Structure formats: C-alpha cells, structure tokens
N, C-alpha and C. Protein backbone atom coordinates (compact mmCIF):
# COMPACT_ATOMS: atom_id res chain seq x y z
N MET A 1 25.60 -9.09 -43.23
CA MET A 1 24.26 -9.60 -43.15
C MET A 1 23.61 -9.10 -41.87
N LYS A 2 22.41 -8.63 -41.97
CA LYS A 2 21.70 -8.07 -40.82
C LYS A 2 21.10 -9.20 -39.98
N ASN A 3 21.29 -9.07 -38.67
CA ASN A 3 20.75 -10.06 -37.73
C ASN A 3 19.27 -9.76 -37.50
N THR A 4 18.40 -10.65 -37.92
CA THR A 4 16.95 -10.41 -37.82
C THR A 4 16.41 -10.76 -36.43
N PHE A 5 17.22 -11.43 -35.61
CA PHE A 5 16.74 -11.81 -34.29
C PHE A 5 16.90 -10.70 -33.26
N VAL A 6 17.79 -9.75 -33.50
CA VAL A 6 18.03 -8.68 -32.55
C VAL A 6 17.16 -7.49 -32.93
N LYS A 7 16.27 -7.13 -32.05
CA LYS A 7 15.42 -5.96 -32.26
C LYS A 7 16.06 -4.78 -31.55
N SER A 8 15.97 -3.61 -32.15
CA SER A 8 16.61 -2.46 -31.54
C SER A 8 15.57 -1.41 -31.16
N GLY A 9 16.00 -0.57 -30.23
CA GLY A 9 15.18 0.57 -29.85
C GLY A 9 14.14 0.28 -28.80
N PRO A 10 13.55 1.35 -28.31
CA PRO A 10 12.56 1.22 -27.23
C PRO A 10 11.26 0.56 -27.67
N ARG A 11 10.96 0.54 -28.97
CA ARG A 11 9.73 -0.11 -29.42
C ARG A 11 9.70 -1.58 -29.03
N TRP A 12 10.83 -2.25 -29.23
CA TRP A 12 10.90 -3.66 -28.86
C TRP A 12 10.66 -3.84 -27.37
N LEU A 13 11.31 -3.00 -26.54
CA LEU A 13 11.14 -3.09 -25.10
C LEU A 13 9.69 -2.81 -24.71
N GLU A 14 9.11 -1.77 -25.29
CA GLU A 14 7.73 -1.43 -24.94
C GLU A 14 6.75 -2.51 -25.36
N ARG A 15 7.08 -3.21 -26.44
CA ARG A 15 6.17 -4.25 -26.91
C ARG A 15 6.24 -5.50 -26.04
N TYR A 16 7.46 -5.91 -25.69
CA TYR A 16 7.64 -7.17 -24.97
C TYR A 16 7.80 -7.00 -23.46
N ILE A 17 8.26 -5.86 -23.03
CA ILE A 17 8.38 -5.58 -21.60
C ILE A 17 7.77 -4.19 -21.38
N PRO A 18 6.47 -4.05 -21.49
CA PRO A 18 5.86 -2.73 -21.53
C PRO A 18 6.01 -1.91 -20.25
N PHE A 19 6.14 -2.55 -19.13
CA PHE A 19 6.16 -1.81 -17.87
C PHE A 19 7.57 -1.39 -17.47
N VAL A 20 8.53 -2.27 -17.62
CA VAL A 20 9.89 -2.03 -17.15
C VAL A 20 10.58 -0.95 -17.96
N ALA A 21 10.26 -0.83 -19.21
CA ALA A 21 10.97 0.09 -20.10
C ALA A 21 10.44 1.52 -20.02
N ARG A 22 9.58 1.81 -19.09
CA ARG A 22 8.94 3.12 -19.07
C ARG A 22 9.34 3.94 -17.86
N SER A 23 9.10 5.25 -17.97
CA SER A 23 9.31 6.16 -16.85
C SER A 23 8.19 5.93 -15.83
N PRO A 24 8.34 6.44 -14.61
CA PRO A 24 7.28 6.27 -13.61
C PRO A 24 5.92 6.80 -14.09
N GLU A 25 5.93 7.92 -14.78
CA GLU A 25 4.67 8.47 -15.29
C GLU A 25 4.03 7.53 -16.30
N LYS A 26 4.86 6.97 -17.18
CA LYS A 26 4.36 6.04 -18.18
C LYS A 26 3.88 4.73 -17.53
N GLN A 27 4.54 4.32 -16.45
CA GLN A 27 4.10 3.12 -15.74
C GLN A 27 2.70 3.33 -15.14
N VAL A 28 2.50 4.50 -14.54
CA VAL A 28 1.18 4.81 -13.98
C VAL A 28 0.15 4.89 -15.10
N GLU A 29 0.54 5.48 -16.23
CA GLU A 29 -0.36 5.56 -17.38
C GLU A 29 -0.72 4.16 -17.89
N TRP A 30 0.28 3.28 -17.94
CA TRP A 30 0.03 1.90 -18.37
C TRP A 30 -0.95 1.21 -17.43
N LEU A 31 -0.75 1.38 -16.12
CA LEU A 31 -1.67 0.80 -15.14
C LEU A 31 -3.07 1.38 -15.29
N ALA A 32 -3.15 2.70 -15.52
CA ALA A 32 -4.46 3.35 -15.67
C ALA A 32 -5.19 2.83 -16.91
N GLN A 33 -4.46 2.45 -17.93
CA GLN A 33 -5.09 1.89 -19.13
C GLN A 33 -5.41 0.41 -18.96
N THR A 34 -4.59 -0.30 -18.20
CA THR A 34 -4.73 -1.75 -18.06
C THR A 34 -5.83 -2.13 -17.06
N LEU A 35 -5.91 -1.43 -15.94
CA LEU A 35 -6.87 -1.80 -14.89
C LEU A 35 -8.32 -1.80 -15.36
N PRO A 36 -8.80 -0.76 -16.06
CA PRO A 36 -10.21 -0.78 -16.47
C PRO A 36 -10.54 -1.86 -17.50
N ARG A 37 -9.57 -2.26 -18.29
CA ARG A 37 -9.83 -3.28 -19.31
C ARG A 37 -9.96 -4.67 -18.71
N GLU A 38 -9.51 -4.85 -17.47
CA GLU A 38 -9.59 -6.12 -16.76
C GLU A 38 -8.95 -7.26 -17.55
N VAL A 39 -7.83 -6.96 -18.20
CA VAL A 39 -7.07 -7.97 -18.93
C VAL A 39 -6.34 -8.87 -17.93
N PHE A 40 -5.87 -8.26 -16.83
CA PHE A 40 -5.16 -8.98 -15.79
C PHE A 40 -6.01 -9.03 -14.52
N THR A 41 -5.81 -10.07 -13.73
CA THR A 41 -6.43 -10.11 -12.41
C THR A 41 -5.62 -9.21 -11.48
N TYR A 42 -6.16 -8.93 -10.30
CA TYR A 42 -5.41 -8.11 -9.35
C TYR A 42 -4.11 -8.80 -8.94
N ALA A 43 -4.14 -10.12 -8.81
CA ALA A 43 -2.92 -10.85 -8.45
C ALA A 43 -1.86 -10.71 -9.55
N GLU A 44 -2.28 -10.60 -10.80
CA GLU A 44 -1.33 -10.42 -11.90
C GLU A 44 -0.81 -8.99 -11.97
N ILE A 45 -1.56 -8.05 -11.43
CA ILE A 45 -1.12 -6.64 -11.41
C ILE A 45 -0.17 -6.38 -10.24
N THR A 46 -0.24 -7.19 -9.19
CA THR A 46 0.57 -6.98 -7.98
C THR A 46 2.06 -6.80 -8.26
N PRO A 47 2.70 -7.62 -9.10
CA PRO A 47 4.13 -7.39 -9.36
C PRO A 47 4.41 -6.05 -10.03
N TYR A 48 3.48 -5.57 -10.84
CA TYR A 48 3.67 -4.26 -11.48
C TYR A 48 3.60 -3.14 -10.45
N VAL A 49 2.71 -3.27 -9.49
CA VAL A 49 2.62 -2.27 -8.41
C VAL A 49 3.92 -2.29 -7.61
N ARG A 50 4.44 -3.48 -7.35
CA ARG A 50 5.71 -3.59 -6.61
C ARG A 50 6.83 -2.90 -7.38
N LEU A 51 6.91 -3.13 -8.71
CA LEU A 51 7.94 -2.47 -9.52
C LEU A 51 7.76 -0.95 -9.50
N LEU A 52 6.53 -0.51 -9.52
CA LEU A 52 6.24 0.92 -9.49
C LEU A 52 6.77 1.56 -8.22
N LEU A 53 6.67 0.86 -7.10
CA LEU A 53 7.00 1.43 -5.79
C LEU A 53 8.40 1.11 -5.30
N GLU A 54 9.20 0.40 -6.09
CA GLU A 54 10.48 -0.06 -5.57
C GLU A 54 11.54 1.03 -5.46
N ASN A 55 11.43 2.10 -6.22
CA ASN A 55 12.44 3.16 -6.18
C ASN A 55 12.16 4.09 -5.00
N ASP A 56 13.16 4.27 -4.13
CA ASP A 56 13.00 5.11 -2.94
C ASP A 56 13.54 6.52 -3.12
N ASP A 57 13.96 6.87 -4.32
CA ASP A 57 14.47 8.21 -4.59
C ASP A 57 13.34 9.23 -4.42
N GLU A 58 13.61 10.31 -3.72
CA GLU A 58 12.57 11.31 -3.42
C GLU A 58 12.00 11.95 -4.69
N GLU A 59 12.85 12.21 -5.67
CA GLU A 59 12.36 12.82 -6.91
C GLU A 59 11.39 11.88 -7.62
N VAL A 60 11.74 10.60 -7.66
CA VAL A 60 10.87 9.62 -8.30
C VAL A 60 9.55 9.51 -7.53
N LYS A 61 9.61 9.55 -6.20
CA LYS A 61 8.39 9.50 -5.40
C LYS A 61 7.48 10.69 -5.70
N GLN A 62 8.08 11.87 -5.85
CA GLN A 62 7.28 13.06 -6.17
C GLN A 62 6.64 12.93 -7.55
N ARG A 63 7.39 12.40 -8.50
CA ARG A 63 6.84 12.20 -9.84
C ARG A 63 5.71 11.17 -9.81
N LEU A 64 5.89 10.10 -9.03
CA LEU A 64 4.85 9.10 -8.89
C LEU A 64 3.60 9.68 -8.24
N ALA A 65 3.79 10.47 -7.20
CA ALA A 65 2.65 11.08 -6.52
C ALA A 65 1.88 11.98 -7.48
N ALA A 66 2.59 12.74 -8.29
CA ALA A 66 1.93 13.60 -9.27
C ALA A 66 1.18 12.76 -10.31
N ALA A 67 1.79 11.68 -10.75
CA ALA A 67 1.13 10.83 -11.74
C ALA A 67 -0.09 10.13 -11.14
N LEU A 68 0.01 9.68 -9.88
CA LEU A 68 -1.13 9.04 -9.23
C LEU A 68 -2.26 10.03 -8.99
N ALA A 69 -1.91 11.30 -8.78
CA ALA A 69 -2.94 12.32 -8.57
C ALA A 69 -3.79 12.52 -9.82
N SER A 70 -3.22 12.21 -10.99
CA SER A 70 -3.98 12.37 -12.23
C SER A 70 -4.97 11.24 -12.45
N MET A 71 -4.85 10.16 -11.70
CA MET A 71 -5.78 9.03 -11.82
C MET A 71 -7.06 9.34 -11.04
N GLY A 72 -8.13 8.73 -11.45
CA GLY A 72 -9.38 8.87 -10.74
C GLY A 72 -9.37 8.06 -9.45
N PRO A 73 -10.26 8.39 -8.49
CA PRO A 73 -10.28 7.66 -7.22
C PRO A 73 -10.60 6.17 -7.38
N GLU A 74 -11.39 5.81 -8.38
CA GLU A 74 -11.71 4.40 -8.59
C GLU A 74 -10.47 3.62 -9.02
N LEU A 75 -9.67 4.21 -9.90
CA LEU A 75 -8.44 3.55 -10.34
C LEU A 75 -7.44 3.46 -9.20
N ARG A 76 -7.38 4.50 -8.37
CA ARG A 76 -6.48 4.45 -7.21
C ARG A 76 -6.94 3.35 -6.24
N GLU A 77 -8.25 3.19 -6.09
CA GLU A 77 -8.76 2.11 -5.25
C GLU A 77 -8.37 0.74 -5.81
N GLN A 78 -8.45 0.60 -7.13
CA GLN A 78 -8.05 -0.66 -7.76
C GLN A 78 -6.56 -0.93 -7.54
N LEU A 79 -5.75 0.12 -7.55
CA LEU A 79 -4.32 -0.05 -7.27
C LEU A 79 -4.10 -0.53 -5.84
N VAL A 80 -4.87 0.04 -4.90
CA VAL A 80 -4.75 -0.38 -3.50
C VAL A 80 -5.14 -1.85 -3.37
N VAL A 81 -6.19 -2.25 -4.07
CA VAL A 81 -6.61 -3.65 -4.03
C VAL A 81 -5.52 -4.54 -4.63
N ALA A 82 -4.89 -4.09 -5.69
CA ALA A 82 -3.87 -4.91 -6.37
C ALA A 82 -2.56 -4.97 -5.59
N ALA A 83 -2.25 -3.95 -4.81
CA ALA A 83 -1.00 -3.95 -4.05
C ALA A 83 -1.04 -5.02 -2.97
N ASP A 84 0.12 -5.61 -2.69
CA ASP A 84 0.13 -6.58 -1.60
C ASP A 84 0.25 -5.86 -0.26
N ILE A 85 0.17 -6.61 0.81
CA ILE A 85 0.14 -6.02 2.15
C ILE A 85 1.43 -5.26 2.46
N TYR A 86 2.54 -5.65 1.86
CA TYR A 86 3.82 -5.00 2.11
C TYR A 86 3.94 -3.67 1.37
N ASP A 87 3.35 -3.58 0.18
CA ASP A 87 3.46 -2.37 -0.63
C ASP A 87 2.35 -1.35 -0.36
N THR A 88 1.29 -1.77 0.28
CA THR A 88 0.16 -0.87 0.51
C THR A 88 0.55 0.39 1.29
N PRO A 89 1.34 0.30 2.38
CA PRO A 89 1.73 1.55 3.06
C PRO A 89 2.47 2.53 2.16
N LYS A 90 3.37 2.01 1.30
CA LYS A 90 4.09 2.89 0.37
C LYS A 90 3.12 3.56 -0.60
N LEU A 91 2.17 2.78 -1.11
CA LEU A 91 1.21 3.32 -2.07
C LEU A 91 0.33 4.37 -1.42
N LEU A 92 -0.17 4.10 -0.22
CA LEU A 92 -1.03 5.07 0.46
C LEU A 92 -0.29 6.37 0.74
N ALA A 93 1.00 6.27 1.03
CA ALA A 93 1.79 7.48 1.30
C ALA A 93 1.91 8.36 0.06
N LEU A 94 1.80 7.77 -1.13
CA LEU A 94 1.93 8.53 -2.37
C LEU A 94 0.61 9.08 -2.90
N LEU A 95 -0.50 8.53 -2.43
CA LEU A 95 -1.79 8.98 -2.93
C LEU A 95 -2.09 10.39 -2.45
N PRO A 96 -2.65 11.23 -3.30
CA PRO A 96 -2.90 12.62 -2.91
C PRO A 96 -3.94 12.75 -1.81
N GLU A 97 -4.95 11.91 -1.85
CA GLU A 97 -5.97 11.90 -0.81
C GLU A 97 -6.56 10.50 -0.78
N CYS A 98 -6.96 10.09 0.37
CA CYS A 98 -7.52 8.75 0.50
C CYS A 98 -9.03 8.84 0.62
N THR A 99 -9.69 7.80 0.19
CA THR A 99 -11.14 7.69 0.37
C THR A 99 -11.41 6.55 1.34
N VAL A 100 -12.63 6.49 1.84
CA VAL A 100 -13.00 5.41 2.75
C VAL A 100 -12.86 4.06 2.05
N ARG A 101 -13.24 4.00 0.78
CA ARG A 101 -13.13 2.73 0.04
C ARG A 101 -11.67 2.29 -0.09
N GLN A 102 -10.76 3.22 -0.30
CA GLN A 102 -9.34 2.88 -0.40
C GLN A 102 -8.82 2.37 0.95
N VAL A 103 -9.23 3.02 2.03
CA VAL A 103 -8.81 2.58 3.37
C VAL A 103 -9.40 1.21 3.67
N MET A 104 -10.65 0.99 3.28
CA MET A 104 -11.27 -0.33 3.48
C MET A 104 -10.49 -1.40 2.72
N ALA A 105 -10.13 -1.10 1.48
CA ALA A 105 -9.36 -2.06 0.67
C ALA A 105 -8.03 -2.37 1.34
N ALA A 106 -7.40 -1.36 1.92
CA ALA A 106 -6.11 -1.58 2.59
C ALA A 106 -6.29 -2.42 3.85
N LEU A 107 -7.32 -2.15 4.62
CA LEU A 107 -7.52 -2.87 5.88
C LEU A 107 -7.93 -4.32 5.67
N ARG A 108 -8.44 -4.65 4.51
CA ARG A 108 -8.86 -6.03 4.22
C ARG A 108 -7.69 -6.94 3.85
N LYS A 109 -6.52 -6.39 3.67
CA LYS A 109 -5.37 -7.18 3.25
C LYS A 109 -4.95 -8.14 4.36
N GLU A 110 -4.56 -9.32 3.94
CA GLU A 110 -4.11 -10.34 4.89
C GLU A 110 -2.68 -10.73 4.56
N PRO A 111 -1.90 -11.05 5.59
CA PRO A 111 -0.53 -11.52 5.33
C PRO A 111 -0.56 -12.85 4.58
N PRO A 112 0.45 -13.09 3.75
CA PRO A 112 0.48 -14.37 3.03
C PRO A 112 0.70 -15.52 4.00
N PRO A 113 0.32 -16.73 3.62
CA PRO A 113 0.44 -17.87 4.53
C PRO A 113 1.87 -18.22 4.92
N TYR A 114 2.84 -17.81 4.12
CA TYR A 114 4.24 -18.12 4.42
C TYR A 114 4.88 -17.10 5.36
N GLU A 115 4.17 -16.04 5.73
CA GLU A 115 4.71 -14.99 6.60
C GLU A 115 4.95 -15.55 8.00
N HIS A 116 6.16 -15.34 8.52
CA HIS A 116 6.50 -15.83 9.85
C HIS A 116 5.92 -14.96 10.97
N HIS A 117 5.70 -13.68 10.69
CA HIS A 117 5.20 -12.75 11.70
C HIS A 117 3.96 -12.02 11.17
N PRO A 118 2.88 -12.75 10.97
CA PRO A 118 1.69 -12.12 10.37
C PRO A 118 1.10 -10.99 11.21
N ARG A 119 1.17 -11.12 12.53
CA ARG A 119 0.62 -10.06 13.38
C ARG A 119 1.40 -8.77 13.22
N LEU A 120 2.72 -8.87 13.16
CA LEU A 120 3.55 -7.68 12.99
C LEU A 120 3.27 -7.01 11.64
N VAL A 121 3.12 -7.80 10.59
CA VAL A 121 2.85 -7.25 9.26
C VAL A 121 1.51 -6.52 9.26
N ARG A 122 0.50 -7.15 9.85
CA ARG A 122 -0.82 -6.51 9.91
C ARG A 122 -0.79 -5.27 10.80
N ASP A 123 -0.05 -5.31 11.92
CA ASP A 123 0.09 -4.13 12.78
C ASP A 123 0.71 -2.97 12.02
N ARG A 124 1.75 -3.28 11.24
CA ARG A 124 2.41 -2.23 10.45
C ARG A 124 1.45 -1.64 9.42
N LEU A 125 0.65 -2.50 8.80
CA LEU A 125 -0.32 -2.02 7.83
C LEU A 125 -1.34 -1.11 8.51
N PHE A 126 -1.91 -1.56 9.61
CA PHE A 126 -2.89 -0.76 10.34
C PHE A 126 -2.29 0.58 10.75
N TYR A 127 -1.06 0.54 11.24
CA TYR A 127 -0.42 1.78 11.69
C TYR A 127 -0.18 2.74 10.53
N ALA A 128 0.26 2.20 9.40
CA ALA A 128 0.49 3.05 8.22
C ALA A 128 -0.82 3.66 7.73
N VAL A 129 -1.88 2.86 7.70
CA VAL A 129 -3.18 3.38 7.26
C VAL A 129 -3.69 4.41 8.25
N TYR A 130 -3.54 4.14 9.53
CA TYR A 130 -4.01 5.05 10.58
C TYR A 130 -3.29 6.39 10.51
N THR A 131 -1.97 6.37 10.34
CA THR A 131 -1.22 7.63 10.29
C THR A 131 -1.49 8.38 8.99
N ARG A 132 -1.81 7.67 7.92
CA ARG A 132 -2.07 8.33 6.62
C ARG A 132 -3.48 8.92 6.56
N ALA A 133 -4.46 8.20 7.09
CA ALA A 133 -5.86 8.63 6.97
C ALA A 133 -6.59 8.40 8.30
N GLN A 134 -6.14 9.10 9.32
CA GLN A 134 -6.68 8.90 10.66
C GLN A 134 -8.17 9.17 10.73
N THR A 135 -8.64 10.20 10.04
CA THR A 135 -10.07 10.53 10.10
C THR A 135 -10.93 9.50 9.39
N LEU A 136 -10.38 8.82 8.39
CA LEU A 136 -11.15 7.82 7.65
C LEU A 136 -11.04 6.41 8.25
N PHE A 137 -10.07 6.22 9.11
CA PHE A 137 -9.79 4.89 9.64
C PHE A 137 -11.00 4.30 10.37
N LEU A 138 -11.58 5.05 11.30
CA LEU A 138 -12.73 4.53 12.06
C LEU A 138 -13.94 4.31 11.17
N SER A 139 -14.15 5.20 10.21
CA SER A 139 -15.27 5.02 9.28
C SER A 139 -15.09 3.75 8.45
N ALA A 140 -13.88 3.51 8.03
CA ALA A 140 -13.59 2.31 7.23
C ALA A 140 -13.81 1.05 8.06
N VAL A 141 -13.38 1.08 9.32
CA VAL A 141 -13.57 -0.09 10.19
C VAL A 141 -15.06 -0.36 10.38
N GLU A 142 -15.83 0.69 10.62
CA GLU A 142 -17.28 0.52 10.81
C GLU A 142 -17.95 -0.02 9.54
N ARG A 143 -17.55 0.48 8.40
CA ARG A 143 -18.15 0.00 7.15
C ARG A 143 -17.76 -1.45 6.86
N LEU A 144 -16.52 -1.82 7.19
CA LEU A 144 -16.12 -3.22 7.03
C LEU A 144 -17.00 -4.13 7.89
N ARG A 145 -17.29 -3.67 9.08
CA ARG A 145 -18.15 -4.45 9.97
C ARG A 145 -19.58 -4.51 9.45
N GLN A 146 -20.11 -3.36 9.06
CA GLN A 146 -21.49 -3.29 8.59
C GLN A 146 -21.70 -4.12 7.32
N GLU A 147 -20.78 -4.03 6.41
CA GLU A 147 -20.90 -4.73 5.13
C GLU A 147 -20.37 -6.16 5.21
N ARG A 148 -19.93 -6.56 6.38
CA ARG A 148 -19.41 -7.91 6.61
C ARG A 148 -18.27 -8.26 5.63
N LEU A 149 -17.38 -7.31 5.44
CA LEU A 149 -16.25 -7.51 4.54
C LEU A 149 -14.93 -7.72 5.28
N ALA A 150 -14.98 -7.65 6.60
CA ALA A 150 -13.75 -7.80 7.38
C ALA A 150 -13.22 -9.23 7.23
N PRO A 151 -11.92 -9.36 7.00
CA PRO A 151 -11.35 -10.71 6.86
C PRO A 151 -11.32 -11.44 8.20
N GLU A 152 -11.06 -12.70 8.15
CA GLU A 152 -10.98 -13.52 9.36
C GLU A 152 -9.86 -13.00 10.25
N GLY A 153 -10.13 -12.90 11.52
CA GLY A 153 -9.14 -12.42 12.48
C GLY A 153 -9.04 -10.91 12.55
N PHE A 154 -9.92 -10.20 11.83
CA PHE A 154 -9.84 -8.74 11.79
C PHE A 154 -10.12 -8.12 13.16
N GLU A 155 -11.14 -8.60 13.84
CA GLU A 155 -11.52 -8.01 15.13
C GLU A 155 -10.40 -8.15 16.14
N GLU A 156 -9.76 -9.30 16.18
CA GLU A 156 -8.64 -9.50 17.09
C GLU A 156 -7.49 -8.55 16.74
N ALA A 157 -7.19 -8.45 15.45
CA ALA A 157 -6.10 -7.57 15.01
C ALA A 157 -6.44 -6.11 15.31
N TYR A 158 -7.69 -5.73 15.13
CA TYR A 158 -8.09 -4.34 15.38
C TYR A 158 -8.01 -4.01 16.87
N SER A 159 -8.48 -4.91 17.74
CA SER A 159 -8.40 -4.62 19.18
C SER A 159 -6.94 -4.58 19.63
N ARG A 160 -6.12 -5.43 19.06
CA ARG A 160 -4.69 -5.40 19.35
C ARG A 160 -4.07 -4.08 18.89
N PHE A 161 -4.49 -3.60 17.73
CA PHE A 161 -3.99 -2.32 17.22
C PHE A 161 -4.40 -1.17 18.14
N GLN A 162 -5.61 -1.21 18.65
CA GLN A 162 -6.05 -0.18 19.59
C GLN A 162 -5.18 -0.18 20.85
N GLU A 163 -4.80 -1.37 21.30
CA GLU A 163 -3.89 -1.46 22.45
C GLU A 163 -2.54 -0.85 22.11
N LEU A 164 -2.06 -1.09 20.91
CA LEU A 164 -0.78 -0.50 20.48
C LEU A 164 -0.86 1.02 20.45
N LEU A 165 -1.99 1.56 20.03
CA LEU A 165 -2.16 3.01 20.04
C LEU A 165 -2.14 3.56 21.46
N GLU A 166 -2.77 2.83 22.37
CA GLU A 166 -2.74 3.24 23.78
C GLU A 166 -1.31 3.19 24.31
N ASP A 167 -0.56 2.17 23.94
CA ASP A 167 0.85 2.07 24.35
C ASP A 167 1.65 3.23 23.79
N GLU A 168 1.39 3.59 22.54
CA GLU A 168 2.09 4.72 21.94
C GLU A 168 1.78 6.02 22.69
N LYS A 169 0.53 6.18 23.06
CA LYS A 169 0.13 7.38 23.82
C LYS A 169 0.85 7.39 25.16
N LEU A 170 0.92 6.24 25.82
CA LEU A 170 1.62 6.14 27.10
C LEU A 170 3.10 6.49 26.94
N LEU A 171 3.73 5.94 25.90
CA LEU A 171 5.14 6.25 25.66
C LEU A 171 5.37 7.72 25.34
N SER A 172 4.47 8.31 24.57
CA SER A 172 4.65 9.73 24.24
C SER A 172 4.42 10.61 25.46
N ASP A 173 3.57 10.15 26.40
CA ASP A 173 3.40 10.90 27.65
C ASP A 173 4.64 10.77 28.54
N LEU A 174 5.25 9.58 28.54
CA LEU A 174 6.46 9.37 29.34
C LEU A 174 7.67 10.08 28.75
N TYR A 175 7.72 10.11 27.43
CA TYR A 175 8.86 10.73 26.73
C TYR A 175 8.34 11.81 25.78
N PRO A 176 7.99 12.97 26.33
CA PRO A 176 7.35 14.00 25.49
C PRO A 176 8.25 14.57 24.39
N ARG A 177 9.57 14.45 24.54
CA ARG A 177 10.46 14.99 23.51
C ARG A 177 10.67 14.04 22.35
N ALA A 178 10.23 12.81 22.50
CA ALA A 178 10.36 11.84 21.41
C ALA A 178 9.37 12.20 20.31
N ARG A 179 9.86 12.19 19.08
CA ARG A 179 8.96 12.47 17.95
C ARG A 179 8.17 11.22 17.64
N LYS A 180 7.08 11.42 16.92
CA LYS A 180 6.18 10.30 16.58
C LYS A 180 6.93 9.20 15.83
N GLY A 181 7.82 9.54 14.93
CA GLY A 181 8.55 8.56 14.14
C GLY A 181 9.62 7.81 14.93
N ASP A 182 9.95 8.30 16.15
CA ASP A 182 10.97 7.64 16.95
C ASP A 182 10.48 6.34 17.58
N ILE A 183 9.17 6.18 17.68
CA ILE A 183 8.60 4.99 18.30
C ILE A 183 8.25 4.01 17.19
N ASP A 184 8.89 2.86 17.22
CA ASP A 184 8.67 1.84 16.20
C ASP A 184 7.57 0.89 16.64
N ILE A 185 6.87 0.33 15.69
CA ILE A 185 5.79 -0.61 16.00
C ILE A 185 6.33 -1.82 16.76
N ARG A 186 7.58 -2.19 16.54
CA ARG A 186 8.18 -3.31 17.29
C ARG A 186 8.30 -2.96 18.77
N ASP A 187 8.65 -1.67 19.04
CA ASP A 187 8.72 -1.24 20.44
C ASP A 187 7.35 -1.35 21.10
N LEU A 188 6.33 -0.97 20.37
CA LEU A 188 4.98 -1.05 20.91
C LEU A 188 4.58 -2.50 21.16
N GLU A 189 4.94 -3.39 20.25
CA GLU A 189 4.65 -4.82 20.44
C GLU A 189 5.36 -5.37 21.66
N ALA A 190 6.61 -4.96 21.84
CA ALA A 190 7.36 -5.43 23.02
C ALA A 190 6.71 -4.93 24.30
N LEU A 191 6.25 -3.68 24.28
CA LEU A 191 5.60 -3.12 25.45
C LEU A 191 4.28 -3.85 25.74
N SER A 192 3.53 -4.18 24.71
CA SER A 192 2.24 -4.84 24.93
C SER A 192 2.41 -6.28 25.38
N SER A 193 3.57 -6.89 25.13
CA SER A 193 3.77 -8.26 25.56
C SER A 193 4.18 -8.37 27.02
N LEU A 194 4.49 -7.24 27.65
CA LEU A 194 4.89 -7.26 29.06
C LEU A 194 3.73 -7.55 29.97
C-alpha cells in the first residue's frame, strides 16, 4: 500500500520550503520575485536574507555575487533594507556596486534592543559600509541629514565613528607595515576609550 502522507522529490520541498531547497542562484531568484510582490514585510524577509548569506564558502559567495549582480539596483536596495544590522556588511560585500540609497539604507539600521554592545555593532556596520563604499559614505550621511531620515543617536554614532577613523589613521602612521585588515574595530574602541 502506498503511503499518501510522504511526498517525494524536490517539488514537495519547493512547495513547502521554497527557499531552503534551492541553490544560491535560485534563492536570489526567489527573493527577486518575492520582493516586488510585497507578499512579505521586510521583517519577514530578514530570515531569508540571513539564510542566503550564511554560507562562507568562497565559491558560493562568488555565485551569490553573480546572482545579485543580475538584480536591479532597486531590488538590491530592498535586500539591504530587509537585511538585519549583522548581515548588512556581508550583503554589501557581495553587491557588485553600491548606490547612495543602498548606503543610506545600511546606515539607518539600528541594533536590536537586546544587543549588549549596540555601539560596537553600529561601529562595525559603519566601518563595513565605509570600507565598501567610501566615496558614497559622506553623500549618504548628508542625504540622511537633509531628508531627516537619520535614526535616533545617529549623530553621536557618526561622530564616534569619525574618531575611530582618526584613531585608525594614527595607528597606521605608528605601524606603517600593518595592513588595513590587521586593525580590528575593537582595538580602535579600546584606543578611543583611553
């Protein structure tokens, strides 16, 4: 007797678990189809973005970057909005090119209320955005100010970030052989607290 409760094959997975059962390219395609339809809120899309970015394999990252490059800039901006503050640096690193709107969306992110070190999380986000799109960073900050879209505490976080950049410059002058990646944001925070 055939068991009617057990479904076989990828069709069942794609129907009931559409995102998990797919390749990275298909996941990006699913997001590209889902975002414009506005079936889900950005908060409901956030776990899918996290699943998309969880694999650290270089080959998968290259495939993801290629798939994200096929999306339009508006859809990529929606992905940045949907990503949480922890995943945004990973997402920005995979995008082929950033726009001011994408950088603005990234800079507007706030740490969740349960975060024990919200300043550190925001510093890391600012640093990741700055290193990814340095030329767009200042334009995005100015537009956030002009359009009054900056979140609460943004000015304090931004001035603190500028101090961290000055500390990084000081450290790189003191240790010229140190590469940029050798200086961690935690080191900069420790230096600024002195």
